[in-house]
Amino acid sequence: MWLVMTTLAAVIATAIWYISDEAREIYNIGFLNLILWGTAIMVFVDHVIGYLSEGGEFIETTPDAILLSIIMLIAAILIWEIVLLIKDPKGVLKSIKK
């Protein structure tokens, strides 16, 4: 399930990046795309290797797999938010310091 949810999130983030200039330039959504697509590729390779070596299900739909999907997406969004806070593209934090 984490492969499906991560890939879906990557596709949605890519669509937002493609459509919105503001998201691309101000909110640095390209970085979120990089995180999500990297994770999706990593999970896909993990699933392929696991399937070839052990067999079984290719896509898990257990509650643990769904919880892992949600945690991975939250972690990716948190990393993106931290980078946004550090870069401060609109200068909001710089104006508070003064």
Protein backbone atom coordinates (compact mmCIF):
# COMPACT_ATOMS: atom_id res chain seq x y z
CA MET A 1 0.00 0.00 0.00
CA TRP A 2 2.87 2.37 0.66
CA LEU A 3 3.94 2.08 -2.97
CA VAL A 4 0.48 3.12 -4.14
CA MET A 5 0.08 6.01 -1.70
CA THR A 6 3.60 7.38 -2.23
CA THR A 7 3.26 7.20 -6.01
CA LEU A 8 -0.16 8.84 -5.86
CA ALA A 9 1.22 11.66 -3.70
CA ALA A 10 4.14 12.09 -6.12
CA VAL A 11 1.77 12.30 -9.09
CA ILE A 12 -0.39 14.90 -7.31
CA ALA A 13 2.66 16.96 -6.31
CA THR A 14 3.95 16.79 -9.89
CA ALA A 15 0.60 17.99 -11.23
CA ILE A 16 0.65 20.91 -8.80
CA TRP A 17 4.24 21.70 -9.84
CA TYR A 18 3.23 21.63 -13.50
CA ILE A 19 0.12 23.80 -13.09
CA SER A 20 1.15 26.41 -10.53
CA ASP A 21 3.98 28.89 -11.02
CA GLU A 22 3.60 30.06 -7.42
CA ALA A 23 4.04 26.53 -6.08
CA ARG A 24 7.09 26.07 -8.26
CA GLU A 25 8.83 29.34 -7.48
CA ILE A 26 7.75 30.31 -3.98
CA TYR A 27 6.84 27.05 -2.27
CA ASN A 28 9.64 24.96 -3.79
CA ILE A 29 7.33 22.06 -4.60
CA GLY A 30 10.04 20.63 -6.84
CA PHE A 31 11.86 19.58 -3.66
CA LEU A 32 8.74 17.77 -2.45
CA ASN A 33 8.53 16.08 -5.87
CA LEU A 34 12.12 14.92 -5.51
CA ILE A 35 11.42 13.46 -2.07
CA LEU A 36 8.22 11.70 -3.15
CA TRP A 37 9.49 10.29 -6.45
CA GLY A 38 12.72 9.14 -4.78
CA THR A 39 10.68 7.38 -2.12
CA ALA A 40 8.34 5.86 -4.69
CA ILE A 41 11.26 4.47 -6.70
CA MET A 42 12.94 3.16 -3.55
CA VAL A 43 9.73 1.44 -2.40
CA PHE A 44 9.15 -0.02 -5.88
CA VAL A 45 12.64 -1.54 -5.93
CA ASP A 46 12.07 -2.88 -2.41
CA HIS A 47 8.80 -4.50 -3.47
CA VAL A 48 10.32 -6.04 -6.60
CA ILE A 49 13.29 -7.49 -4.72
CA GLY A 50 11.02 -8.80 -1.95
CA TYR A 51 8.60 -10.30 -4.45
CA LEU A 52 11.34 -12.00 -6.44
CA SER A 53 13.16 -13.37 -3.43
CA GLU A 54 10.25 -14.33 -1.16
CA GLY A 55 7.13 -14.32 -3.32
CA GLY A 56 3.81 -13.43 -1.75
CA GLU A 57 1.87 -10.22 -2.27
CA PHE A 58 3.33 -7.39 -4.30
CA ILE A 59 1.01 -4.77 -2.78
CA GLU A 60 0.19 -5.17 0.89
CA THR A 61 -3.15 -3.89 2.13
CA THR A 62 -2.68 -4.60 5.83
CA PRO A 63 -3.36 -1.93 8.46
CA ASP A 64 0.39 -1.83 9.19
CA ALA A 65 1.15 -1.04 5.54
CA ILE A 66 -1.47 1.72 5.50
CA LEU A 67 -0.06 3.21 8.72
CA LEU A 68 3.45 3.08 7.26
CA SER A 69 2.18 4.89 4.15
CA ILE A 70 0.71 7.68 6.24
CA ILE A 71 3.85 8.00 8.37
CA MET A 72 6.07 8.14 5.27
CA LEU A 73 3.94 10.88 3.71
CA ILE A 74 3.93 12.87 6.96
CA ALA A 75 7.72 12.56 7.18
CA ALA A 76 8.15 13.74 3.57
CA ILE A 77 5.85 16.73 4.12
CA LEU A 78 7.61 17.61 7.40
CA ILE A 79 11.01 17.61 5.69
CA TRP A 80 9.60 19.86 2.95
CA GLU A 81 8.09 22.20 5.55
CA ILE A 82 11.39 22.42 7.46
CA VAL A 83 13.20 23.35 4.25
CA LEU A 84 10.53 25.99 3.58
CA LEU A 85 10.98 27.42 7.06
CA ILE A 86 14.75 27.57 6.65
CA LYS A 87 14.56 29.20 3.20
CA ASP A 88 11.70 31.53 4.21
CA PRO A 89 10.71 32.36 0.60
CA LYS A 90 8.27 35.15 1.51
CA GLY A 91 10.53 36.66 4.19
CA VAL A 92 7.95 36.25 6.95
CA LEU A 93 10.41 35.03 9.59
CA LYS A 94 12.94 37.74 8.70
CA SER A 95 10.33 40.44 9.28
CA ILE A 96 9.47 38.99 12.70
CA LYS A 97 13.12 39.13 13.84
CA LYS A 98 13.33 42.88 13.19
